[in-house]
């Protein structure tokens, strides 16, 4: 499975630096795609140790896994903050994982309720 395109619309309050803010949201999107499709901790049953504890064994998204991503900011400055900004560090990750799971459901008719969503679970 691959994600062909991602669009993320965020209420980030007042954006001070659009380039770094877009980069933060893209990073969260990539992390969410990894959570949805790739990342899984595998335990060794007899010992209880993590079997894929190194980056050589643990799958994370790479450049080829990142789709065309568009980011847009909406909303107004936050009145609770004198500058009007909001934290956007991890907010890009929140919606993408369930969006990928819903896209799989709409494409296949199968609701996968455990991550990562893999072909084996769909079949």
PDB file of N, CA and C in Angstrom:
ATOM      1  N   UNK A   1       0.835  -1.171   0.000  1.00  0.00           N
ATOM      2  CA  UNK A   1       0.000   0.000   0.000  1.00  0.00           C
ATOM      3  C   UNK A   1       0.882   1.237   0.000  1.00  0.00           C
ATOM      4  N   UNK A   2       0.411   2.252  -0.714  1.00  0.00           N
ATOM      5  CA  UNK A   2       1.133   3.522  -0.767  1.00  0.00           C
ATOM      6  C   UNK A   2       0.149   4.669  -0.642  1.00  0.00           C
ATOM      7  N   UNK A   3       0.591   5.738  -0.078  1.00  0.00           N
ATOM      8  CA  UNK A   3      -0.187   6.967  -0.028  1.00  0.00           C
ATOM      9  C   UNK A   3       0.262   7.804  -1.219  1.00  0.00           C
ATOM     10  N   UNK A   4      -0.686   8.139  -2.107  1.00  0.00           N
ATOM     11  CA  UNK A   4      -0.343   8.863  -3.327  1.00  0.00           C
ATOM     12  C   UNK A   4      -0.271  10.373  -3.111  1.00  0.00           C
ATOM     13  N   UNK A   5      -1.092  10.891  -2.202  1.00  0.00           N
ATOM     14  CA  UNK A   5      -1.141  12.339  -1.996  1.00  0.00           C
ATOM     15  C   UNK A   5      -1.651  12.608  -0.597  1.00  0.00           C
ATOM     16  N   UNK A   6      -1.145  13.658   0.010  1.00  0.00           N
ATOM     17  CA  UNK A   6      -1.614  14.052   1.343  1.00  0.00           C
ATOM     18  C   UNK A   6      -1.843  15.554   1.355  1.00  0.00           C
ATOM     19  N   UNK A   7      -2.972  15.950   1.889  1.00  0.00           N
ATOM     20  CA  UNK A   7      -3.292  17.362   2.066  1.00  0.00           C
ATOM     21  C   UNK A   7      -3.572  17.572   3.548  1.00  0.00           C
ATOM     22  N   UNK A   8      -2.867  18.497   4.153  1.00  0.00           N
ATOM     23  CA  UNK A   8      -3.026  18.770   5.575  1.00  0.00           C
ATOM     24  C   UNK A   8      -3.391  20.238   5.749  1.00  0.00           C
ATOM     25  N   UNK A   9      -4.542  20.476   6.371  1.00  0.00           N
ATOM     26  CA  UNK A   9      -4.999  21.837   6.648  1.00  0.00           C
ATOM     27  C   UNK A   9      -5.001  22.009   8.160  1.00  0.00           C
ATOM     28  N   UNK A  10      -4.273  23.022   8.633  1.00  0.00           N
ATOM     29  CA  UNK A  10      -4.006  23.171  10.060  1.00  0.00           C
ATOM     30  C   UNK A  10      -4.370  24.577  10.523  1.00  0.00           C
ATOM     31  N   UNK A  11      -5.016  24.652  11.678  1.00  0.00           N
ATOM     32  CA  UNK A  11      -5.224  25.935  12.331  1.00  0.00           C
ATOM     33  C   UNK A  11      -4.030  26.148  13.256  1.00  0.00           C
ATOM     34  N   UNK A  12      -3.029  26.828  12.754  1.00  0.00           N
ATOM     35  CA  UNK A  12      -1.799  27.034  13.508  1.00  0.00           C
ATOM     36  C   UNK A  12      -1.712  28.388  14.168  1.00  0.00           C
ATOM     37  N   UNK A  13      -2.812  29.116  14.203  1.00  0.00           N
ATOM     38  CA  UNK A  13      -2.755  30.465  14.771  1.00  0.00           C
ATOM     39  C   UNK A  13      -1.975  31.379  13.852  1.00  0.00           C
ATOM     40  N   UNK A  14      -1.246  32.300  14.433  1.00  0.00           N
ATOM     41  CA  UNK A  14      -0.403  33.195  13.633  1.00  0.00           C
ATOM     42  C   UNK A  14       0.878  32.452  13.284  1.00  0.00           C
ATOM     43  N   UNK A  15       1.150  32.319  12.000  1.00  0.00           N
ATOM     44  CA  UNK A  15       2.342  31.619  11.533  1.00  0.00           C
ATOM     45  C   UNK A  15       3.480  32.626  11.424  1.00  0.00           C
ATOM     46  N   UNK A  16       4.532  32.406  12.192  1.00  0.00           N
ATOM     47  CA  UNK A  16       5.662  33.330  12.189  1.00  0.00           C
ATOM     48  C   UNK A  16       6.624  33.054  11.047  1.00  0.00           C
ATOM     49  N   UNK A  17       6.859  31.790  10.742  1.00  0.00           N
ATOM     50  CA  UNK A  17       7.762  31.418   9.657  1.00  0.00           C
ATOM     51  C   UNK A  17       7.081  30.312   8.867  1.00  0.00           C
ATOM     52  N   UNK A  18       6.552  30.649   7.721  1.00  0.00           N
ATOM     53  CA  UNK A  18       5.773  29.679   6.957  1.00  0.00           C
ATOM     54  C   UNK A  18       6.613  28.495   6.492  1.00  0.00           C
ATOM     55  N   UNK A  19       7.843  28.738   6.108  1.00  0.00           N
ATOM     56  CA  UNK A  19       8.688  27.647   5.605  1.00  0.00           C
ATOM     57  C   UNK A  19       8.943  26.580   6.683  1.00  0.00           C
ATOM     58  N   UNK A  20       9.297  27.001   7.879  1.00  0.00           N
ATOM     59  CA  UNK A  20       9.544  26.016   8.933  1.00  0.00           C
ATOM     60  C   UNK A  20       8.236  25.393   9.430  1.00  0.00           C
ATOM     61  N   UNK A  21       7.152  26.158   9.408  1.00  0.00           N
ATOM     62  CA  UNK A  21       5.861  25.611   9.832  1.00  0.00           C
ATOM     63  C   UNK A  21       5.380  24.534   8.873  1.00  0.00           C
ATOM     64  N   UNK A  22       5.512  24.781   7.575  1.00  0.00           N
ATOM     65  CA  UNK A  22       5.153  23.767   6.576  1.00  0.00           C
ATOM     66  C   UNK A  22       6.016  22.523   6.767  1.00  0.00           C
ATOM     67  N   UNK A  23       7.294  22.729   7.037  1.00  0.00           N
ATOM     68  CA  UNK A  23       8.203  21.603   7.253  1.00  0.00           C
ATOM     69  C   UNK A  23       7.789  20.772   8.467  1.00  0.00           C
ATOM     70  N   UNK A  24       7.344  21.433   9.543  1.00  0.00           N
ATOM     71  CA  UNK A  24       6.863  20.716  10.727  1.00  0.00           C
ATOM     72  C   UNK A  24       5.659  19.835  10.385  1.00  0.00           C
ATOM     73  N   UNK A  25       4.726  20.377   9.622  1.00  0.00           N
ATOM     74  CA  UNK A  25       3.523  19.623   9.281  1.00  0.00           C
ATOM     75  C   UNK A  25       3.860  18.468   8.342  1.00  0.00           C
ATOM     76  N   UNK A  26       4.751  18.693   7.393  1.00  0.00           N
ATOM     77  CA  UNK A  26       5.171  17.602   6.509  1.00  0.00           C
ATOM     78  C   UNK A  26       5.845  16.500   7.319  1.00  0.00           C
ATOM     79  N   UNK A  27       6.674  16.878   8.284  1.00  0.00           N
ATOM     80  CA  UNK A  27       7.313  15.879   9.149  1.00  0.00           C
ATOM     81  C   UNK A  27       6.297  15.071   9.928  1.00  0.00           C
ATOM     82  N   UNK A  28       5.266  15.734  10.451  1.00  0.00           N
ATOM     83  CA  UNK A  28       4.201  15.014  11.141  1.00  0.00           C
ATOM     84  C   UNK A  28       3.433  14.104  10.207  1.00  0.00           C
ATOM     85  N   UNK A  29       3.224  14.551   8.975  1.00  0.00           N
ATOM     86  CA  UNK A  29       2.535  13.726   7.981  1.00  0.00           C
ATOM     87  C   UNK A  29       3.332  12.469   7.670  1.00  0.00           C
ATOM     88  N   UNK A  30       4.631  12.621   7.498  1.00  0.00           N
ATOM     89  CA  UNK A  30       5.491  11.456   7.237  1.00  0.00           C
ATOM     90  C   UNK A  30       5.457  10.501   8.426  1.00  0.00           C
ATOM     91  N   UNK A  31       5.510  11.034   9.641  1.00  0.00           N
ATOM     92  CA  UNK A  31       5.419  10.187  10.832  1.00  0.00           C
ATOM     93  C   UNK A  31       4.093   9.458  10.919  1.00  0.00           C
ATOM     94  N   UNK A  32       3.008  10.136  10.555  1.00  0.00           N
ATOM     95  CA  UNK A  32       1.692   9.496  10.564  1.00  0.00           C
ATOM     96  C   UNK A  32       1.564   8.400   9.528  1.00  0.00           C
ATOM     97  N   UNK A  33       2.165   8.611   8.361  1.00  0.00           N
ATOM     98  CA  UNK A  33       2.164   7.563   7.327  1.00  0.00           C
ATOM     99  C   UNK A  33       2.965   6.361   7.810  1.00  0.00           C
ATOM    100  N   UNK A  34       4.090   6.623   8.452  1.00  0.00           N
ATOM    101  CA  UNK A  34       4.874   5.525   9.009  1.00  0.00           C
ATOM    102  C   UNK A  34       4.106   4.756  10.057  1.00  0.00           C
ATOM    103  N   UNK A  35       3.398   5.476  10.912  1.00  0.00           N
ATOM    104  CA  UNK A  35       2.585   4.825  11.946  1.00  0.00           C
ATOM    105  C   UNK A  35       1.474   3.995  11.315  1.00  0.00           C
ATOM    106  N   UNK A  36       0.865   4.514  10.270  1.00  0.00           N
ATOM    107  CA  UNK A  36      -0.268   3.834   9.644  1.00  0.00           C
ATOM    108  C   UNK A  36       0.136   2.606   8.840  1.00  0.00           C
ATOM    109  N   UNK A  37       1.280   2.658   8.167  1.00  0.00           N
ATOM    110  CA  UNK A  37       1.604   1.601   7.205  1.00  0.00           C
ATOM    111  C   UNK A  37       2.850   0.778   7.515  1.00  0.00           C
ATOM    112  N   UNK A  38       3.767   1.281   8.327  1.00  0.00           N
ATOM    113  CA  UNK A  38       5.053   0.599   8.445  1.00  0.00           C
ATOM    114  C   UNK A  38       5.459   0.196   9.855  1.00  0.00           C
ATOM    115  N   UNK A  39       5.331   1.100  10.804  1.00  0.00           N
ATOM    116  CA  UNK A  39       5.959   0.904  12.106  1.00  0.00           C
ATOM    117  C   UNK A  39       5.212  -0.100  12.974  1.00  0.00           C
ATOM    118  N   UNK A  40       5.954  -1.079  13.450  1.00  0.00           N
ATOM    119  CA  UNK A  40       5.387  -2.112  14.319  1.00  0.00           C
ATOM    120  C   UNK A  40       6.481  -2.654  15.225  1.00  0.00           C
ATOM    121  N   UNK A  41       6.203  -2.732  16.502  1.00  0.00           N
ATOM    122  CA  UNK A  41       7.143  -3.324  17.438  1.00  0.00           C
ATOM    123  C   UNK A  41       6.824  -4.806  17.563  1.00  0.00           C
ATOM    124  N   UNK A  42       7.821  -5.626  17.275  1.00  0.00           N
ATOM    125  CA  UNK A  42       7.652  -7.081  17.309  1.00  0.00           C
ATOM    126  C   UNK A  42       8.376  -7.611  18.536  1.00  0.00           C
ATOM    127  N   UNK A  43       7.667  -8.394  19.355  1.00  0.00           N
ATOM    128  CA  UNK A  43       8.257  -8.974  20.557  1.00  0.00           C
ATOM    129  C   UNK A  43       8.612 -10.430  20.333  1.00  0.00           C
ATOM    130  N   UNK A  44       9.743 -10.838  20.915  1.00  0.00           N
ATOM    131  CA  UNK A  44      10.141 -12.239  20.915  1.00  0.00           C
ATOM    132  C   UNK A  44       9.421 -12.894  22.084  1.00  0.00           C
ATOM    133  N   UNK A  45       8.498 -13.796  21.799  1.00  0.00           N
ATOM    134  CA  UNK A  45       7.658 -14.392  22.840  1.00  0.00           C
ATOM    135  C   UNK A  45       8.446 -15.096  23.948  1.00  0.00           C
ATOM    136  N   UNK A  46       9.424 -15.957  23.642  1.00  0.00           N
ATOM    137  CA  UNK A  46      10.108 -16.663  24.732  1.00  0.00           C
ATOM    138  C   UNK A  46      10.864 -15.728  25.693  1.00  0.00           C
ATOM    139  N   UNK A  47      11.542 -14.717  25.149  1.00  0.00           N
ATOM    140  CA  UNK A  47      12.359 -13.860  26.011  1.00  0.00           C
ATOM    141  C   UNK A  47      11.652 -12.571  26.423  1.00  0.00           C
ATOM    142  N   UNK A  48      10.627 -12.162  25.659  1.00  0.00           N
ATOM    143  CA  UNK A  48       9.935 -10.915  25.944  1.00  0.00           C
ATOM    144  C   UNK A  48      10.668  -9.684  25.444  1.00  0.00           C
ATOM    145  N   UNK A  49      11.781  -9.888  24.750  1.00  0.00           N
ATOM    146  CA  UNK A  49      12.560  -8.761  24.245  1.00  0.00           C
ATOM    147  C   UNK A  49      11.994  -8.279  22.916  1.00  0.00           C
ATOM    148  N   UNK A  50      12.304  -7.056  22.569  1.00  0.00           N
ATOM    149  CA  UNK A  50      11.880  -6.499  21.289  1.00  0.00           C
ATOM    150  C   UNK A  50      12.766  -7.084  20.199  1.00  0.00           C
ATOM    151  N   UNK A  51      12.131  -7.692  19.202  1.00  0.00           N
ATOM    152  CA  UNK A  51      12.874  -8.380  18.149  1.00  0.00           C
ATOM    153  C   UNK A  51      13.383  -7.420  17.071  1.00  0.00           C
ATOM    154  N   UNK A  52      12.747  -6.289  16.909  1.00  0.00           N
ATOM    155  CA  UNK A  52      13.197  -5.339  15.881  1.00  0.00           C
ATOM    156  C   UNK A  52      13.603  -4.017  16.541  1.00  0.00           C
ATOM    157  N   UNK A  53      14.583  -4.096  17.417  1.00  0.00           N
ATOM    158  CA  UNK A  53      14.968  -2.948  18.238  1.00  0.00           C
ATOM    159  C   UNK A  53      15.970  -2.017  17.561  1.00  0.00           C
ATOM    160  N   UNK A  54      16.420  -2.325  16.354  1.00  0.00           N
ATOM    161  CA  UNK A  54      17.378  -1.461  15.667  1.00  0.00           C
ATOM    162  C   UNK A  54      16.734  -0.871  14.417  1.00  0.00           C
ATOM    163  N   UNK A  55      17.296   0.209  13.934  1.00  0.00           N
ATOM    164  CA  UNK A  55      16.758   0.821  12.715  1.00  0.00           C
ATOM    165  C   UNK A  55      16.972  -0.070  11.490  1.00  0.00           C
ATOM    166  N   UNK A  56      17.825  -1.056  11.595  1.00  0.00           N
ATOM    167  CA  UNK A  56      17.976  -2.022  10.510  1.00  0.00           C
ATOM    168  C   UNK A  56      16.777  -2.955  10.407  1.00  0.00           C
ATOM    169  N   UNK A  57      16.096  -3.169  11.521  1.00  0.00           N
ATOM    170  CA  UNK A  57      14.959  -4.083  11.554  1.00  0.00           C
ATOM    171  C   UNK A  57      13.610  -3.377  11.653  1.00  0.00           C
ATOM    172  N   UNK A  58      13.582  -2.162  12.178  1.00  0.00           N
ATOM    173  CA  UNK A  58      12.334  -1.432  12.408  1.00  0.00           C
ATOM    174  C   UNK A  58      12.055  -0.568  11.184  1.00  0.00           C
ATOM    175  N   UNK A  59      10.911  -0.769  10.563  1.00  0.00           N
ATOM    176  CA  UNK A  59      10.586  -0.027   9.352  1.00  0.00           C
ATOM    177  C   UNK A  59      10.101   1.378   9.671  1.00  0.00           C
ATOM    178  N   UNK A  60      10.719   2.371   9.044  1.00  0.00           N
ATOM    179  CA  UNK A  60      10.299   3.762   9.130  1.00  0.00           C
ATOM    180  C   UNK A  60      10.188   4.308   7.711  1.00  0.00           C
ATOM    181  N   UNK A  61       9.381   5.334   7.501  1.00  0.00           N
ATOM    182  CA  UNK A  61       9.244   5.866   6.149  1.00  0.00           C
ATOM    183  C   UNK A  61      10.542   6.498   5.654  1.00  0.00           C
ATOM    184  N   UNK A  62      10.828   6.286   4.392  1.00  0.00           N
ATOM    185  CA  UNK A  62      11.981   6.903   3.740  1.00  0.00           C
ATOM    186  C   UNK A  62      11.461   7.819   2.637  1.00  0.00           C
ATOM    187  N   UNK A  63      12.361   8.457   1.940  1.00  0.00           N
ATOM    188  CA  UNK A  63      11.990   9.440   0.928  1.00  0.00           C
ATOM    189  C   UNK A  63      11.009   8.876  -0.098  1.00  0.00           C
ATOM    190  N   UNK A  64      11.176   7.649  -0.504  1.00  0.00           N
ATOM    191  CA  UNK A  64      10.291   7.041  -1.505  1.00  0.00           C
ATOM    192  C   UNK A  64       8.877   6.818  -0.971  1.00  0.00           C
ATOM    193  N   UNK A  65       8.703   6.798   0.348  1.00  0.00           N
ATOM    194  CA  UNK A  65       7.383   6.586   0.952  1.00  0.00           C
ATOM    195  C   UNK A  65       6.599   7.883   1.128  1.00  0.00           C
ATOM    196  N   UNK A  66       7.241   9.018   0.886  1.00  0.00           N
ATOM    197  CA  UNK A  66       6.602  10.308   1.129  1.00  0.00           C
ATOM    198  C   UNK A  66       5.877  10.767  -0.132  1.00  0.00           C
ATOM    199  N   UNK A  67       4.566  10.959  -0.037  1.00  0.00           N
ATOM    200  CA  UNK A  67       3.808  11.381  -1.219  1.00  0.00           C
ATOM    201  C   UNK A  67       3.923  12.887  -1.449  1.00  0.00           C
ATOM    202  N   UNK A  68       3.322  13.324  -2.538  1.00  0.00           N
ATOM    203  CA  UNK A  68       3.162  14.757  -2.770  1.00  0.00           C
ATOM    204  C   UNK A  68       2.304  15.295  -1.631  1.00  0.00           C
ATOM    205  N   UNK A  69       2.829  16.234  -0.872  1.00  0.00           N
ATOM    206  CA  UNK A  69       2.145  16.725   0.316  1.00  0.00           C
ATOM    207  C   UNK A  69       1.892  18.224   0.193  1.00  0.00           C
ATOM    208  N   UNK A  70       0.658  18.610   0.414  1.00  0.00           N
ATOM    209  CA  UNK A  70       0.298  20.022   0.411  1.00  0.00           C
ATOM    210  C   UNK A  70      -0.132  20.412   1.822  1.00  0.00           C
ATOM    211  N   UNK A  71       0.293  21.596   2.239  1.00  0.00           N
ATOM    212  CA  UNK A  71      -0.036  22.095   3.573  1.00  0.00           C
ATOM    213  C   UNK A  71      -0.673  23.472   3.429  1.00  0.00           C
ATOM    214  N   UNK A  72      -1.763  23.684   4.143  1.00  0.00           N
ATOM    215  CA  UNK A  72      -2.417  24.993   4.177  1.00  0.00           C
ATOM    216  C   UNK A  72      -2.719  25.345   5.621  1.00  0.00           C
ATOM    217  N   UNK A  73      -2.595  26.619   5.934  1.00  0.00           N
ATOM    218  CA  UNK A  73      -2.898  27.103   7.274  1.00  0.00           C
ATOM    219  C   UNK A  73      -4.159  27.948   7.228  1.00  0.00           C
ATOM    220  N   UNK A  74      -5.053  27.694   8.166  1.00  0.00           N
ATOM    221  CA  UNK A  74      -6.304  28.431   8.267  1.00  0.00           C
ATOM    222  C   UNK A  74      -6.440  28.950   9.691  1.00  0.00           C
ATOM    223  N   UNK A  75      -7.481  29.690   9.951  1.00  0.00           N
ATOM    224  CA  UNK A  75      -7.743  30.145  11.312  1.00  0.00           C
ATOM    225  C   UNK A  75      -7.197  31.536  11.543  1.00  0.00           C
ATOM    226  N   UNK A  76      -7.291  31.949  12.778  1.00  0.00           N
ATOM    227  CA  UNK A  76      -6.853  33.294  13.153  1.00  0.00           C
ATOM    228  C   UNK A  76      -5.886  33.197  14.330  1.00  0.00           C
ATOM    229  N   UNK A  77      -5.190  34.274  14.648  1.00  0.00           N
ATOM    230  CA  UNK A  77      -4.274  34.236  15.796  1.00  0.00           C
ATOM    231  C   UNK A  77      -4.983  33.811  17.078  1.00  0.00           C
ATOM    232  N   UNK A  78      -4.264  33.090  17.905  1.00  0.00           N
ATOM    233  CA  UNK A  78      -4.799  32.586  19.166  1.00  0.00           C
ATOM    234  C   UNK A  78      -4.893  33.729  20.176  1.00  0.00           C
ATOM    235  N   UNK A  79      -6.100  34.049  20.662  1.00  0.00           N
ATOM    236  CA  UNK A  79      -6.235  35.157  21.611  1.00  0.00           C
ATOM    237  C   UNK A  79      -5.638  34.855  22.990  1.00  0.00           C
ATOM    238  N   UNK A  80      -5.381  33.597  23.294  1.00  0.00           N
ATOM    239  CA  UNK A  80      -4.818  33.230  24.593  1.00  0.00           C
ATOM    240  C   UNK A  80      -3.312  33.454  24.655  1.00  0.00           C
ATOM    241  N   UNK A  81      -2.696  33.746  23.535  1.00  0.00           N
ATOM    242  CA  UNK A  81      -1.254  33.927  23.458  1.00  0.00           C
ATOM    243  C   UNK A  81      -0.980  35.352  22.974  1.00  0.00           C
ATOM    244  N   UNK A  82      -0.106  36.112  23.627  1.00  0.00           N
ATOM    245  CA  UNK A  82       0.124  37.493  23.209  1.00  0.00           C
ATOM    246  C   UNK A  82       0.643  37.624  21.770  1.00  0.00           C
ATOM    247  N   UNK A  83       1.368  36.633  21.302  1.00  0.00           N
ATOM    248  CA  UNK A  83       1.878  36.663  19.925  1.00  0.00           C
ATOM    249  C   UNK A  83       0.836  36.107  18.958  1.00  0.00           C
ATOM    250  N   UNK A  84      -0.068  35.280  19.448  1.00  0.00           N
ATOM    251  CA  UNK A  84      -1.109  34.699  18.603  1.00  0.00           C
ATOM    252  C   UNK A  84      -0.756  33.373  17.984  1.00  0.00           C
ATOM    253  N   UNK A  85       0.354  32.776  18.409  1.00  0.00           N
ATOM    254  CA  UNK A  85       0.795  31.510  17.817  1.00  0.00           C
ATOM    255  C   UNK A  85       0.171  30.325  18.557  1.00  0.00           C
ATOM    256  N   UNK A  86       0.214  29.179  17.894  1.00  0.00           N
ATOM    257  CA  UNK A  86      -0.189  27.906  18.500  1.00  0.00           C
ATOM    258  C   UNK A  86       0.932  26.909  18.251  1.00  0.00           C
ATOM    259  N   UNK A  87       1.030  25.904  19.086  1.00  0.00           N
ATOM    260  CA  UNK A  87       2.032  24.866  18.875  1.00  0.00           C
ATOM    261  C   UNK A  87       1.611  23.939  17.743  1.00  0.00           C
ATOM    262  N   UNK A  88       2.493  23.728  16.787  1.00  0.00           N
ATOM    263  CA  UNK A  88       2.160  22.845  15.664  1.00  0.00           C
ATOM    264  C   UNK A  88       3.155  21.695  15.535  1.00  0.00           C
ATOM    265  N   UNK A  89       3.953  21.450  16.566  1.00  0.00           N
ATOM    266  CA  UNK A  89       5.015  20.452  16.482  1.00  0.00           C
ATOM    267  C   UNK A  89       4.550  19.065  16.097  1.00  0.00           C
ATOM    268  N   UNK A  90       3.535  18.544  16.736  1.00  0.00           N
ATOM    269  CA  UNK A  90       3.080  17.177  16.478  1.00  0.00           C
ATOM    270  C   UNK A  90       1.691  17.124  15.853  1.00  0.00           C
ATOM    271  N   UNK A  91       1.067  18.272  15.647  1.00  0.00           N
ATOM    272  CA  UNK A  91      -0.313  18.268  15.187  1.00  0.00           C
ATOM    273  C   UNK A  91      -0.452  17.691  13.776  1.00  0.00           C
ATOM    274  N   UNK A  92       0.597  17.720  12.986  1.00  0.00           N
ATOM    275  CA  UNK A  92       0.534  17.153  11.645  1.00  0.00           C
ATOM    276  C   UNK A  92       0.356  15.646  11.639  1.00  0.00           C
ATOM    277  N   UNK A  93       0.700  14.997  12.730  1.00  0.00           N
ATOM    278  CA  UNK A  93       0.615  13.543  12.810  1.00  0.00           C
ATOM    279  C   UNK A  93      -0.780  13.063  13.221  1.00  0.00           C
ATOM    280  N   UNK A  94      -1.537  13.894  13.874  1.00  0.00           N
ATOM    281  CA  UNK A  94      -2.785  13.469  14.498  1.00  0.00           C
ATOM    282  C   UNK A  94      -3.810  12.931  13.498  1.00  0.00           C
ATOM    283  N   UNK A  95      -4.028  13.611  12.392  1.00  0.00           N
ATOM    284  CA  UNK A  95      -5.099  13.220  11.481  1.00  0.00           C
ATOM    285  C   UNK A  95      -4.716  12.266  10.386  1.00  0.00           C
ATOM    286  N   UNK A  96      -3.442  12.163  10.060  1.00  0.00           N
ATOM    287  CA  UNK A  96      -3.052  11.385   8.879  1.00  0.00           C
ATOM    288  C   UNK A  96      -3.211   9.880   9.099  1.00  0.00           C
ATOM    289  N   UNK A  97      -2.910   9.386  10.276  1.00  0.00           N
ATOM    290  CA  UNK A  97      -3.013   7.944  10.521  1.00  0.00           C
ATOM    291  C   UNK A  97      -4.449   7.442  10.379  1.00  0.00           C
ATOM    292  N   UNK A  98      -5.441   8.060  11.020  1.00  0.00           N
ATOM    293  CA  UNK A  98      -6.814   7.603  10.793  1.00  0.00           C
ATOM    294  C   UNK A  98      -7.298   7.873   9.375  1.00  0.00           C
ATOM    295  N   UNK A  99      -6.763   8.916   8.727  1.00  0.00           N
ATOM    296  CA  UNK A  99      -7.156   9.180   7.334  1.00  0.00           C
ATOM    297  C   UNK A  99      -6.689   8.056   6.416  1.00  0.00           C
ATOM    298  N   UNK A 100      -5.489   7.552   6.640  1.00  0.00           N
ATOM    299  CA  UNK A 100      -4.987   6.427   5.844  1.00  0.00           C
ATOM    300  C   UNK A 100      -5.822   5.180   6.117  1.00  0.00           C
ATOM    301  N   UNK A 101      -6.137   4.930   7.388  1.00  0.00           N
ATOM    302  CA  UNK A 101      -6.963   3.761   7.734  1.00  0.00           C
ATOM    303  C   UNK A 101      -8.346   3.866   7.094  1.00  0.00           C
ATOM    304  N   UNK A 102      -8.939   5.064   7.084  1.00  0.00           N
ATOM    305  CA  UNK A 102     -10.236   5.252   6.441  1.00  0.00           C
ATOM    306  C   UNK A 102     -10.149   5.093   4.935  1.00  0.00           C
ATOM    307  N   UNK A 103      -9.044   5.537   4.339  1.00  0.00           N
ATOM    308  CA  UNK A 103      -8.864   5.357   2.891  1.00  0.00           C
ATOM    309  C   UNK A 103      -8.785   3.870   2.543  1.00  0.00           C
ATOM    310  N   UNK A 104      -8.112   3.097   3.382  1.00  0.00           N
ATOM    311  CA  UNK A 104      -8.053   1.642   3.162  1.00  0.00           C
ATOM    312  C   UNK A 104      -9.455   1.049   3.283  1.00  0.00           C
ATOM    313  N   UNK A 105     -10.218   1.490   4.263  1.00  0.00           N
ATOM    314  CA  UNK A 105     -11.582   0.999   4.425  1.00  0.00           C
ATOM    315  C   UNK A 105     -12.437   1.327   3.204  1.00  0.00           C
ATOM    316  N   UNK A 106     -12.350   2.551   2.722  1.00  0.00           N
ATOM    317  CA  UNK A 106     -13.160   2.943   1.568  1.00  0.00           C
ATOM    318  C   UNK A 106     -12.727   2.227   0.297  1.00  0.00           C
ATOM    319  N   UNK A 107     -11.455   1.881   0.188  1.00  0.00           N
ATOM    320  CA  UNK A 107     -10.960   1.183  -0.997  1.00  0.00           C
ATOM    321  C   UNK A 107     -11.256  -0.309  -0.961  1.00  0.00           C
ATOM    322  N   UNK A 108     -11.273  -0.897   0.239  1.00  0.00           N
ATOM    323  CA  UNK A 108     -11.379  -2.355   0.334  1.00  0.00           C
ATOM    324  C   UNK A 108     -12.649  -2.845   1.016  1.00  0.00           C
ATOM    325  N   UNK A 109     -13.284  -1.995   1.809  1.00  0.00           N
ATOM    326  CA  UNK A 109     -14.440  -2.426   2.587  1.00  0.00           C
ATOM    327  C   UNK A 109     -14.076  -3.127   3.876  1.00  0.00           C
ATOM    328  N   UNK A 110     -12.794  -3.226   4.179  1.00  0.00           N
ATOM    329  CA  UNK A 110     -12.328  -3.870   5.420  1.00  0.00           C
ATOM    330  C   UNK A 110     -11.834  -2.813   6.396  1.00  0.00           C
ATOM    331  N   UNK A 111     -12.349  -2.832   7.605  1.00  0.00           N
ATOM    332  CA  UNK A 111     -11.922  -1.899   8.649  1.00  0.00           C
ATOM    333  C   UNK A 111     -10.807  -2.559   9.442  1.00  0.00           C
ATOM    334  N   UNK A 112      -9.605  -2.006   9.351  1.00  0.00           N
ATOM    335  CA  UNK A 112      -8.453  -2.525  10.079  1.00  0.00           C
ATOM    336  C   UNK A 112      -8.319  -1.706  11.358  1.00  0.00           C
ATOM    337  N   UNK A 113      -8.329  -2.361  12.503  1.00  0.00           N
ATOM    338  CA  UNK A 113      -8.334  -1.655  13.785  1.00  0.00           C
ATOM    339  C   UNK A 113      -7.032  -1.783  14.566  1.00  0.00           C
ATOM    340  N   UNK A 114      -6.004  -2.351  13.951  1.00  0.00           N
ATOM    341  CA  UNK A 114      -4.699  -2.414  14.610  1.00  0.00           C
ATOM    342  C   UNK A 114      -3.636  -1.952  13.617  1.00  0.00           C
ATOM    343  N   UNK A 115      -2.676  -1.228  14.143  1.00  0.00           N
ATOM    344  CA  UNK A 115      -1.625  -0.686  13.291  1.00  0.00           C
ATOM    345  C   UNK A 115      -0.396  -1.565  13.349  1.00  0.00           C
ATOM    346  N   UNK A 116       0.375  -1.631  12.282  1.00  0.00           N
ATOM    347  CA  UNK A 116       0.197  -0.951  11.016  1.00  0.00           C
ATOM    348  C   UNK A 116      -0.829  -1.660  10.127  1.00  0.00           C
ATOM    349  N   UNK A 117      -1.383  -0.897   9.220  1.00  0.00           N
ATOM    350  CA  UNK A 117      -2.315  -1.449   8.233  1.00  0.00           C
ATOM    351  C   UNK A 117      -1.482  -2.094   7.148  1.00  0.00           C
ATOM    352  N   UNK A 118      -1.586  -3.396   7.013  1.00  0.00           N
ATOM    353  CA  UNK A 118      -0.788  -4.118   6.011  1.00  0.00           C
ATOM    354  C   UNK A 118      -1.699  -4.897   5.069  1.00  0.00           C
ATOM    355  N   UNK A 119      -1.138  -5.305   3.963  1.00  0.00           N
ATOM    356  CA  UNK A 119      -1.872  -6.088   2.976  1.00  0.00           C
ATOM    357  C   UNK A 119      -2.395  -7.386   3.606  1.00  0.00           C
ATOM    358  N   UNK A 120      -1.583  -8.003   4.459  1.00  0.00           N
ATOM    359  CA  UNK A 120      -1.990  -9.259   5.094  1.00  0.00           C
ATOM    360  C   UNK A 120      -3.241  -9.080   5.942  1.00  0.00           C
ATOM    361  N   UNK A 121      -3.381  -7.955   6.592  1.00  0.00           N
ATOM    362  CA  UNK A 121      -4.552  -7.706   7.416  1.00  0.00           C
ATOM    363  C   UNK A 121      -5.781  -7.408   6.565  1.00  0.00           C
ATOM    364  N   UNK A 122      -5.573  -6.848   5.391  1.00  0.00           N
ATOM    365  CA  UNK A 122      -6.698  -6.523   4.492  1.00  0.00           C
ATOM    366  C   UNK A 122      -7.241  -7.794   3.854  1.00  0.00           C
ATOM    367  N   UNK A 123      -6.356  -8.712   3.507  1.00  0.00           N
ATOM    368  CA  UNK A 123      -6.789  -9.938   2.835  1.00  0.00           C
ATOM    369  C   UNK A 123      -7.473 -10.846   3.769  1.00  0.00           C
TER     370      UNK A 123
END
